[in-house]
């Protein structure tokens, strides 16, 4: 909930992740937090 680099509050963000398999690429949504100052 706070950035370990600058100490600012982080914001909720959805990260789209792709998992590669031999058959297909599978896309998932993961809930993350992001520091807008430090990116």
ModelCIF file with pLDDT and N, C-alpha, C, O atoms, coordinates in Angstrom:
data_MODEL
#
_entry.id   MODEL 
#
_entity.id                         1 
_entity.type                       polymer 
_entity.pdbx_number_of_molecules   1 
#
_entity_poly.entity_id                      1 
_entity_poly.type                           'polypeptide(L)' 
_entity_poly.nstd_linkage                   no 
_entity_poly.nstd_monomer                   no 
_entity_poly.pdbx_seq_one_letter_code       
;(UNK)(UNK)(UNK)(UNK)(UNK)(UNK)(UNK)(UNK)(UNK)(UNK)(UNK)(UNK)(UNK)(UNK)(UNK)(UNK)
(UNK)(UNK)(UNK)(UNK)(UNK)(UNK)(UNK)(UNK)(UNK)(UNK)(UNK)(UNK)(UNK)(UNK)(UNK)(UNK)
(UNK)(UNK)(UNK)(UNK)(UNK)(UNK)(UNK)
;
_entity_poly.pdbx_seq_one_letter_code_can   XXXXXXXXXXXXXXXXXXXXXXXXXXXXXXXXXXXXXXX 
_entity_poly.pdbx_strand_id                 A 
#
loop_
_entity_poly_seq.entity_id 
_entity_poly_seq.num 
_entity_poly_seq.mon_id 
_entity_poly_seq.hetero 
1 1  UNK n 
1 2  UNK n 
1 3  UNK n 
1 4  UNK n 
1 5  UNK n 
1 6  UNK n 
1 7  UNK n 
1 8  UNK n 
1 9  UNK n 
1 10 UNK n 
1 11 UNK n 
1 12 UNK n 
1 13 UNK n 
1 14 UNK n 
1 15 UNK n 
1 16 UNK n 
1 17 UNK n 
1 18 UNK n 
1 19 UNK n 
1 20 UNK n 
1 21 UNK n 
1 22 UNK n 
1 23 UNK n 
1 24 UNK n 
1 25 UNK n 
1 26 UNK n 
1 27 UNK n 
1 28 UNK n 
1 29 UNK n 
1 30 UNK n 
1 31 UNK n 
1 32 UNK n 
1 33 UNK n 
1 34 UNK n 
1 35 UNK n 
1 36 UNK n 
1 37 UNK n 
1 38 UNK n 
1 39 UNK n 
#
_struct_asym.id          A 
_struct_asym.entity_id   1 
#
loop_
_ma_qa_metric.id 
_ma_qa_metric.mode 
_ma_qa_metric.name 
_ma_qa_metric.software_group_id 
_ma_qa_metric.type 
1 global pLDDT . pLDDT 
2 local  pLDDT . pLDDT 
#
_ma_qa_metric_global.metric_id      1 
_ma_qa_metric_global.metric_value   96.03 
_ma_qa_metric_global.model_id       1 
_ma_qa_metric_global.ordinal_id     1 
#
loop_
_ma_qa_metric_local.label_asym_id 
_ma_qa_metric_local.label_comp_id 
_ma_qa_metric_local.label_seq_id 
_ma_qa_metric_local.metric_id 
_ma_qa_metric_local.metric_value 
_ma_qa_metric_local.model_id 
_ma_qa_metric_local.ordinal_id 
A UNK 1  2 96.00 1 1  
A UNK 2  2 96.00 1 2  
A UNK 3  2 96.00 1 3  
A UNK 4  2 94.00 1 4  
A UNK 5  2 95.00 1 5  
A UNK 6  2 97.00 1 6  
A UNK 7  2 95.00 1 7  
A UNK 8  2 97.00 1 8  
A UNK 9  2 97.00 1 9  
A UNK 10 2 98.00 1 10 
A UNK 11 2 98.00 1 11 
A UNK 12 2 97.00 1 12 
A UNK 13 2 97.00 1 13 
A UNK 14 2 97.00 1 14 
A UNK 15 2 96.00 1 15 
A UNK 16 2 96.00 1 16 
A UNK 17 2 96.00 1 17 
A UNK 18 2 95.00 1 18 
A UNK 19 2 95.00 1 19 
A UNK 20 2 94.00 1 20 
A UNK 21 2 92.00 1 21 
A UNK 22 2 92.00 1 22 
A UNK 23 2 94.00 1 23 
A UNK 24 2 95.00 1 24 
A UNK 25 2 95.00 1 25 
A UNK 26 2 95.00 1 26 
A UNK 27 2 96.00 1 27 
A UNK 28 2 96.00 1 28 
A UNK 29 2 97.00 1 29 
A UNK 30 2 97.00 1 30 
A UNK 31 2 97.00 1 31 
A UNK 32 2 98.00 1 32 
A UNK 33 2 98.00 1 33 
A UNK 34 2 98.00 1 34 
A UNK 35 2 98.00 1 35 
A UNK 36 2 96.00 1 36 
A UNK 37 2 97.00 1 37 
A UNK 38 2 96.00 1 38 
A UNK 39 2 96.00 1 39 
#
loop_
_atom_site.group_PDB 
_atom_site.id 
_atom_site.type_symbol 
_atom_site.label_atom_id 
_atom_site.label_alt_id 
_atom_site.label_comp_id 
_atom_site.label_asym_id 
_atom_site.label_entity_id 
_atom_site.label_seq_id 
_atom_site.pdbx_PDB_ins_code 
_atom_site.Cartn_x 
_atom_site.Cartn_y 
_atom_site.Cartn_z 
_atom_site.occupancy 
_atom_site.B_iso_or_equiv 
_atom_site.pdbx_formal_charge 
_atom_site.auth_seq_id 
_atom_site.auth_comp_id 
_atom_site.auth_asym_id 
_atom_site.auth_atom_id 
_atom_site.pdbx_PDB_model_num 
ATOM 1   N N  . UNK A 1 1  ? 0.802  -1.229  0.000   1.00 96.00 ? 1  UNK A N  1 
ATOM 2   C CA . UNK A 1 1  ? 0.000  0.000   0.000   1.00 96.00 ? 1  UNK A CA 1 
ATOM 3   C C  . UNK A 1 1  ? 0.831  1.274   0.000   1.00 96.00 ? 1  UNK A C  1 
ATOM 4   O O  . UNK A 1 1  ? 0.313  2.357   -0.272  1.00 96.00 ? 1  UNK A O  1 
ATOM 5   N N  . UNK A 1 2  ? 2.123  1.147   0.306   1.00 96.00 ? 2  UNK A N  1 
ATOM 6   C CA . UNK A 1 2  ? 3.035  2.294   0.211   1.00 96.00 ? 2  UNK A CA 1 
ATOM 7   C C  . UNK A 1 2  ? 4.271  1.866   -0.573  1.00 96.00 ? 2  UNK A C  1 
ATOM 8   O O  . UNK A 1 2  ? 4.715  0.721   -0.480  1.00 96.00 ? 2  UNK A O  1 
ATOM 9   N N  . UNK A 1 3  ? 4.810  2.783   -1.331  1.00 96.00 ? 3  UNK A N  1 
ATOM 10  C CA . UNK A 1 3  ? 5.987  2.511   -2.156  1.00 96.00 ? 3  UNK A CA 1 
ATOM 11  C C  . UNK A 1 3  ? 7.200  2.291   -1.255  1.00 96.00 ? 3  UNK A C  1 
ATOM 12  O O  . UNK A 1 3  ? 7.480  3.099   -0.370  1.00 96.00 ? 3  UNK A O  1 
ATOM 13  N N  . UNK A 1 4  ? 7.913  1.197   -1.486  1.00 94.00 ? 4  UNK A N  1 
ATOM 14  C CA . UNK A 1 4  ? 9.089  0.920   -0.655  1.00 94.00 ? 4  UNK A CA 1 
ATOM 15  C C  . UNK A 1 4  ? 10.272 1.814   -1.030  1.00 94.00 ? 4  UNK A C  1 
ATOM 16  O O  . UNK A 1 4  ? 11.258 1.872   -0.295  1.00 94.00 ? 4  UNK A O  1 
ATOM 17  N N  . UNK A 1 5  ? 10.184 2.505   -2.158  1.00 95.00 ? 5  UNK A N  1 
ATOM 18  C CA . UNK A 1 5  ? 11.271 3.400   -2.575  1.00 95.00 ? 5  UNK A CA 1 
ATOM 19  C C  . UNK A 1 5  ? 11.075 4.829   -2.058  1.00 95.00 ? 5  UNK A C  1 
ATOM 20  O O  . UNK A 1 5  ? 11.994 5.415   -1.486  1.00 95.00 ? 5  UNK A O  1 
ATOM 21  N N  . UNK A 1 6  ? 9.850  5.399   -2.266  1.00 97.00 ? 6  UNK A N  1 
ATOM 22  C CA . UNK A 1 6  ? 9.648  6.812   -1.901  1.00 97.00 ? 6  UNK A CA 1 
ATOM 23  C C  . UNK A 1 6  ? 8.667  7.020   -0.747  1.00 97.00 ? 6  UNK A C  1 
ATOM 24  O O  . UNK A 1 6  ? 8.582  8.125   -0.210  1.00 97.00 ? 6  UNK A O  1 
ATOM 25  N N  . UNK A 1 7  ? 7.927  5.984   -0.357  1.00 95.00 ? 7  UNK A N  1 
ATOM 26  C CA . UNK A 1 7  ? 6.999  6.096   0.762   1.00 95.00 ? 7  UNK A CA 1 
ATOM 27  C C  . UNK A 1 7  ? 5.620  6.626   0.406   1.00 95.00 ? 7  UNK A C  1 
ATOM 28  O O  . UNK A 1 7  ? 4.768  6.753   1.286   1.00 95.00 ? 7  UNK A O  1 
ATOM 29  N N  . UNK A 1 8  ? 5.379  6.940   -0.871  1.00 97.00 ? 8  UNK A N  1 
ATOM 30  C CA . UNK A 1 8  ? 4.063  7.433   -1.302  1.00 97.00 ? 8  UNK A CA 1 
ATOM 31  C C  . UNK A 1 8  ? 3.031  6.310   -1.284  1.00 97.00 ? 8  UNK A C  1 
ATOM 32  O O  . UNK A 1 8  ? 3.376  5.132   -1.377  1.00 97.00 ? 8  UNK A O  1 
ATOM 33  N N  . UNK A 1 9  ? 1.759  6.693   -1.163  1.00 97.00 ? 9  UNK A N  1 
ATOM 34  C CA . UNK A 1 9  ? 0.688  5.702   -1.247  1.00 97.00 ? 9  UNK A CA 1 
ATOM 35  C C  . UNK A 1 9  ? 0.617  5.172   -2.674  1.00 97.00 ? 9  UNK A C  1 
ATOM 36  O O  . UNK A 1 9  ? 0.797  5.919   -3.636  1.00 97.00 ? 9  UNK A O  1 
ATOM 37  N N  . UNK A 1 10 ? 0.352  3.872   -2.796  1.00 98.00 ? 10 UNK A N  1 
ATOM 38  C CA . UNK A 1 10 ? 0.206  3.265   -4.118  1.00 98.00 ? 10 UNK A CA 1 
ATOM 39  C C  . UNK A 1 10 ? -1.265 3.216   -4.494  1.00 98.00 ? 10 UNK A C  1 
ATOM 40  O O  . UNK A 1 10 ? -2.141 3.281   -3.631  1.00 98.00 ? 10 UNK A O  1 
ATOM 41  N N  . UNK A 1 11 ? -1.528 3.102   -5.781  1.00 98.00 ? 11 UNK A N  1 
ATOM 42  C CA . UNK A 1 11 ? -2.897 3.044   -6.288  1.00 98.00 ? 11 UNK A CA 1 
ATOM 43  C C  . UNK A 1 11 ? -3.185 1.655   -6.850  1.00 98.00 ? 11 UNK A C  1 
ATOM 44  O O  . UNK A 1 11 ? -2.299 0.981   -7.374  1.00 98.00 ? 11 UNK A O  1 
ATOM 45  N N  . UNK A 1 12 ? -4.441 1.249   -6.727  1.00 97.00 ? 12 UNK A N  1 
ATOM 46  C CA . UNK A 1 12 ? -4.862 -0.044  -7.277  1.00 97.00 ? 12 UNK A CA 1 
ATOM 47  C C  . UNK A 1 12 ? -4.747 -0.013  -8.794  1.00 97.00 ? 12 UNK A C  1 
ATOM 48  O O  . UNK A 1 12 ? -5.021 0.996   -9.443  1.00 97.00 ? 12 UNK A O  1 
ATOM 49  N N  . UNK A 1 13 ? -4.331 -1.154  -9.336  1.00 97.00 ? 13 UNK A N  1 
ATOM 50  C CA . UNK A 1 13 ? -4.199 -1.264  -10.779 1.00 97.00 ? 13 UNK A CA 1 
ATOM 51  C C  . UNK A 1 13 ? -4.397 -2.725  -11.178 1.00 97.00 ? 13 UNK A C  1 
ATOM 52  O O  . UNK A 1 13 ? -4.015 -3.637  -10.444 1.00 97.00 ? 13 UNK A O  1 
ATOM 53  N N  . UNK A 1 14 ? -4.995 -2.933  -12.343 1.00 97.00 ? 14 UNK A N  1 
ATOM 54  C CA . UNK A 1 14 ? -5.145 -4.276  -12.876 1.00 97.00 ? 14 UNK A CA 1 
ATOM 55  C C  . UNK A 1 14 ? -4.027 -4.512  -13.873 1.00 97.00 ? 14 UNK A C  1 
ATOM 56  O O  . UNK A 1 14 ? -3.826 -3.720  -14.794 1.00 97.00 ? 14 UNK A O  1 
ATOM 57  N N  . UNK A 1 15 ? -3.305 -5.598  -13.689 1.00 96.00 ? 15 UNK A N  1 
ATOM 58  C CA . UNK A 1 15 ? -2.208 -5.955  -14.582 1.00 96.00 ? 15 UNK A CA 1 
ATOM 59  C C  . UNK A 1 15 ? -2.644 -7.145  -15.425 1.00 96.00 ? 15 UNK A C  1 
ATOM 60  O O  . UNK A 1 15 ? -3.109 -8.155  -14.896 1.00 96.00 ? 15 UNK A O  1 
ATOM 61  N N  . UNK A 1 16 ? -2.492 -7.021  -16.722 1.00 96.00 ? 16 UNK A N  1 
ATOM 62  C CA . UNK A 1 16 ? -2.832 -8.115  -17.630 1.00 96.00 ? 16 UNK A CA 1 
ATOM 63  C C  . UNK A 1 16 ? -1.571 -8.915  -17.906 1.00 96.00 ? 16 UNK A C  1 
ATOM 64  O O  . UNK A 1 16 ? -0.583 -8.382  -18.413 1.00 96.00 ? 16 UNK A O  1 
ATOM 65  N N  . UNK A 1 17 ? -1.612 -10.200 -17.569 1.00 96.00 ? 17 UNK A N  1 
ATOM 66  C CA . UNK A 1 17 ? -0.456 -11.080 -17.667 1.00 96.00 ? 17 UNK A CA 1 
ATOM 67  C C  . UNK A 1 17 ? -0.765 -12.201 -18.648 1.00 96.00 ? 17 UNK A C  1 
ATOM 68  O O  . UNK A 1 17 ? -1.879 -12.724 -18.683 1.00 96.00 ? 17 UNK A O  1 
ATOM 69  N N  . UNK A 1 18 ? 0.235  -12.562 -19.444 1.00 95.00 ? 18 UNK A N  1 
ATOM 70  C CA . UNK A 1 18 ? 0.068  -13.667 -20.390 1.00 95.00 ? 18 UNK A CA 1 
ATOM 71  C C  . UNK A 1 18 ? 0.943  -14.833 -19.962 1.00 95.00 ? 18 UNK A C  1 
ATOM 72  O O  . UNK A 1 18 ? 2.131  -14.676 -19.682 1.00 95.00 ? 18 UNK A O  1 
ATOM 73  N N  . UNK A 1 19 ? 0.322  -16.011 -19.918 1.00 95.00 ? 19 UNK A N  1 
ATOM 74  C CA . UNK A 1 19 ? 1.037  -17.256 -19.609 1.00 95.00 ? 19 UNK A CA 1 
ATOM 75  C C  . UNK A 1 19 ? 1.116  -18.069 -20.892 1.00 95.00 ? 19 UNK A C  1 
ATOM 76  O O  . UNK A 1 19 ? 0.092  -18.418 -21.478 1.00 95.00 ? 19 UNK A O  1 
ATOM 77  N N  . UNK A 1 20 ? 2.324  -18.366 -21.321 1.00 94.00 ? 20 UNK A N  1 
ATOM 78  C CA . UNK A 1 20 ? 2.532  -19.073 -22.582 1.00 94.00 ? 20 UNK A CA 1 
ATOM 79  C C  . UNK A 1 20 ? 2.555  -20.585 -22.343 1.00 94.00 ? 20 UNK A C  1 
ATOM 80  O O  . UNK A 1 20 ? 3.299  -21.082 -21.498 1.00 94.00 ? 20 UNK A O  1 
ATOM 81  N N  . UNK A 1 21 ? 1.719  -21.311 -23.111 1.00 92.00 ? 21 UNK A N  1 
ATOM 82  C CA . UNK A 1 21 ? 1.719  -22.774 -23.059 1.00 92.00 ? 21 UNK A CA 1 
ATOM 83  C C  . UNK A 1 21 ? 1.970  -23.296 -24.468 1.00 92.00 ? 21 UNK A C  1 
ATOM 84  O O  . UNK A 1 21 ? 1.983  -22.522 -25.426 1.00 92.00 ? 21 UNK A O  1 
ATOM 85  N N  . UNK A 1 22 ? 2.166  -24.584 -24.596 1.00 92.00 ? 22 UNK A N  1 
ATOM 86  C CA . UNK A 1 22 ? 2.396  -25.192 -25.907 1.00 92.00 ? 22 UNK A CA 1 
ATOM 87  C C  . UNK A 1 22 ? 1.150  -25.093 -26.787 1.00 92.00 ? 22 UNK A C  1 
ATOM 88  O O  . UNK A 1 22 ? 1.249  -25.074 -28.014 1.00 92.00 ? 22 UNK A O  1 
ATOM 89  N N  . UNK A 1 23 ? -0.013 -25.031 -26.159 1.00 94.00 ? 23 UNK A N  1 
ATOM 90  C CA . UNK A 1 23 ? -1.276 -25.015 -26.907 1.00 94.00 ? 23 UNK A CA 1 
ATOM 91  C C  . UNK A 1 23 ? -1.722 -23.591 -27.230 1.00 94.00 ? 23 UNK A C  1 
ATOM 92  O O  . UNK A 1 23 ? -2.124 -23.304 -28.358 1.00 94.00 ? 23 UNK A O  1 
ATOM 93  N N  . UNK A 1 24 ? -1.652 -22.709 -26.250 1.00 95.00 ? 24 UNK A N  1 
ATOM 94  C CA . UNK A 1 24 ? -2.147 -21.337 -26.453 1.00 95.00 ? 24 UNK A CA 1 
ATOM 95  C C  . UNK A 1 24 ? -1.562 -20.399 -25.406 1.00 95.00 ? 24 UNK A C  1 
ATOM 96  O O  . UNK A 1 24 ? -0.976 -20.831 -24.413 1.00 95.00 ? 24 UNK A O  1 
ATOM 97  N N  . UNK A 1 25 ? -1.735 -19.116 -25.652 1.00 95.00 ? 25 UNK A N  1 
ATOM 98  C CA . UNK A 1 25 ? -1.377 -18.098 -24.658 1.00 95.00 ? 25 UNK A CA 1 
ATOM 99  C C  . UNK A 1 25 ? -2.616 -17.794 -23.834 1.00 95.00 ? 25 UNK A C  1 
ATOM 100 O O  . UNK A 1 25 ? -3.682 -17.514 -24.381 1.00 95.00 ? 25 UNK A O  1 
ATOM 101 N N  . UNK A 1 26 ? -2.472 -17.850 -22.526 1.00 95.00 ? 26 UNK A N  1 
ATOM 102 C CA . UNK A 1 26 ? -3.600 -17.629 -21.618 1.00 95.00 ? 26 UNK A CA 1 
ATOM 103 C C  . UNK A 1 26 ? -3.404 -16.280 -20.940 1.00 95.00 ? 26 UNK A C  1 
ATOM 104 O O  . UNK A 1 26 ? -2.362 -16.027 -20.336 1.00 95.00 ? 26 UNK A O  1 
ATOM 105 N N  . UNK A 1 27 ? -4.414 -15.413 -21.041 1.00 96.00 ? 27 UNK A N  1 
ATOM 106 C CA . UNK A 1 27 ? -4.340 -14.082 -20.436 1.00 96.00 ? 27 UNK A CA 1 
ATOM 107 C C  . UNK A 1 27 ? -5.117 -14.066 -19.126 1.00 96.00 ? 27 UNK A C  1 
ATOM 108 O O  . UNK A 1 27 ? -6.227 -14.591 -19.030 1.00 96.00 ? 27 UNK A O  1 
ATOM 109 N N  . UNK A 1 28 ? -4.503 -13.449 -18.124 1.00 96.00 ? 28 UNK A N  1 
ATOM 110 C CA . UNK A 1 28 ? -5.128 -13.326 -16.813 1.00 96.00 ? 28 UNK A CA 1 
ATOM 111 C C  . UNK A 1 28 ? -5.019 -11.897 -16.318 1.00 96.00 ? 28 UNK A C  1 
ATOM 112 O O  . UNK A 1 28 ? -4.154 -11.137 -16.753 1.00 96.00 ? 28 UNK A O  1 
ATOM 113 N N  . UNK A 1 29 ? -5.914 -11.538 -15.397 1.00 97.00 ? 29 UNK A N  1 
ATOM 114 C CA . UNK A 1 29 ? -5.855 -10.236 -14.735 1.00 97.00 ? 29 UNK A CA 1 
ATOM 115 C C  . UNK A 1 29 ? -5.370 -10.455 -13.307 1.00 97.00 ? 29 UNK A C  1 
ATOM 116 O O  . UNK A 1 29 ? -5.886 -11.308 -12.585 1.00 97.00 ? 29 UNK A O  1 
ATOM 117 N N  . UNK A 1 30 ? -4.375 -9.676  -12.916 1.00 97.00 ? 30 UNK A N  1 
ATOM 118 C CA . UNK A 1 30 ? -3.887 -9.735  -11.543 1.00 97.00 ? 30 UNK A CA 1 
ATOM 119 C C  . UNK A 1 30 ? -4.067 -8.363  -10.908 1.00 97.00 ? 30 UNK A C  1 
ATOM 120 O O  . UNK A 1 30 ? -3.838 -7.339  -11.551 1.00 97.00 ? 30 UNK A O  1 
ATOM 121 N N  . UNK A 1 31 ? -4.475 -8.347  -9.655  1.00 97.00 ? 31 UNK A N  1 
ATOM 122 C CA . UNK A 1 31 ? -4.656 -7.093  -8.948  1.00 97.00 ? 31 UNK A CA 1 
ATOM 123 C C  . UNK A 1 31 ? -3.327 -6.689  -8.316  1.00 97.00 ? 31 UNK A C  1 
ATOM 124 O O  . UNK A 1 31 ? -2.745 -7.432  -7.525  1.00 97.00 ? 31 UNK A O  1 
ATOM 125 N N  . UNK A 1 32 ? -2.866 -5.505  -8.680  1.00 98.00 ? 32 UNK A N  1 
ATOM 126 C CA . UNK A 1 32 ? -1.581 -5.001  -8.216  1.00 98.00 ? 32 UNK A CA 1 
ATOM 127 C C  . UNK A 1 32 ? -1.758 -3.603  -7.649  1.00 98.00 ? 32 UNK A C  1 
ATOM 128 O O  . UNK A 1 32 ? -2.857 -3.050  -7.660  1.00 98.00 ? 32 UNK A O  1 
ATOM 129 N N  . UNK A 1 33 ? -0.673 -3.044  -7.155  1.00 98.00 ? 33 UNK A N  1 
ATOM 130 C CA . UNK A 1 33 ? -0.654 -1.657  -6.692  1.00 98.00 ? 33 UNK A CA 1 
ATOM 131 C C  . UNK A 1 33 ? 0.540  -0.999  -7.368  1.00 98.00 ? 33 UNK A C  1 
ATOM 132 O O  . UNK A 1 33 ? 1.579  -1.631  -7.554  1.00 98.00 ? 33 UNK A O  1 
ATOM 133 N N  . UNK A 1 34 ? 0.392  0.272   -7.735  1.00 98.00 ? 34 UNK A N  1 
ATOM 134 C CA . UNK A 1 34 ? 1.435  0.971   -8.483  1.00 98.00 ? 34 UNK A CA 1 
ATOM 135 C C  . UNK A 1 34 ? 1.718  2.340   -7.881  1.00 98.00 ? 34 UNK A C  1 
ATOM 136 O O  . UNK A 1 34 ? 0.804  3.086   -7.527  1.00 98.00 ? 34 UNK A O  1 
ATOM 137 N N  . UNK A 1 35 ? 3.006  2.651   -7.774  1.00 98.00 ? 35 UNK A N  1 
ATOM 138 C CA . UNK A 1 35 ? 3.434  3.976   -7.356  1.00 98.00 ? 35 UNK A CA 1 
ATOM 139 C C  . UNK A 1 35 ? 3.550  4.826   -8.615  1.00 98.00 ? 35 UNK A C  1 
ATOM 140 O O  . UNK A 1 35 ? 4.373  4.541   -9.486  1.00 98.00 ? 35 UNK A O  1 
ATOM 141 N N  . UNK A 1 36 ? 2.735  5.860   -8.711  1.00 96.00 ? 36 UNK A N  1 
ATOM 142 C CA . UNK A 1 36 ? 2.753  6.730   -9.885  1.00 96.00 ? 36 UNK A CA 1 
ATOM 143 C C  . UNK A 1 36 ? 4.024  7.573   -9.939  1.00 96.00 ? 36 UNK A C  1 
ATOM 144 O O  . UNK A 1 36 ? 4.484  7.918   -11.027 1.00 96.00 ? 36 UNK A O  1 
ATOM 145 N N  . UNK A 1 37 ? 4.601  7.913   -8.778  1.00 97.00 ? 37 UNK A N  1 
ATOM 146 C CA . UNK A 1 37 ? 5.827  8.719   -8.740  1.00 97.00 ? 37 UNK A CA 1 
ATOM 147 C C  . UNK A 1 37 ? 7.022  7.938   -9.285  1.00 97.00 ? 37 UNK A C  1 
ATOM 148 O O  . UNK A 1 37 ? 7.762  8.440   -10.131 1.00 97.00 ? 37 UNK A O  1 
ATOM 149 N N  . UNK A 1 38 ? 7.208  6.721   -8.802  1.00 96.00 ? 38 UNK A N  1 
ATOM 150 C CA . UNK A 1 38 ? 8.377  5.912   -9.159  1.00 96.00 ? 38 UNK A CA 1 
ATOM 151 C C  . UNK A 1 38 ? 8.113  4.962   -10.337 1.00 96.00 ? 38 UNK A C  1 
ATOM 152 O O  . UNK A 1 38 ? 9.041  4.384   -10.902 1.00 96.00 ? 38 UNK A O  1 
ATOM 153 N N  . UNK A 1 39 ? 6.831  4.814   -10.695 1.00 96.00 ? 39 UNK A N  1 
ATOM 154 C CA . UNK A 1 39 ? 6.407  3.878   -11.749 1.00 96.00 ? 39 UNK A CA 1 
ATOM 155 C C  . UNK A 1 39 ? 6.850  2.450   -11.432 1.00 96.00 ? 39 UNK A C  1 
ATOM 156 O O  . UNK A 1 39 ? 6.580  1.534   -12.208 1.00 96.00 ? 39 UNK A O  1 
#
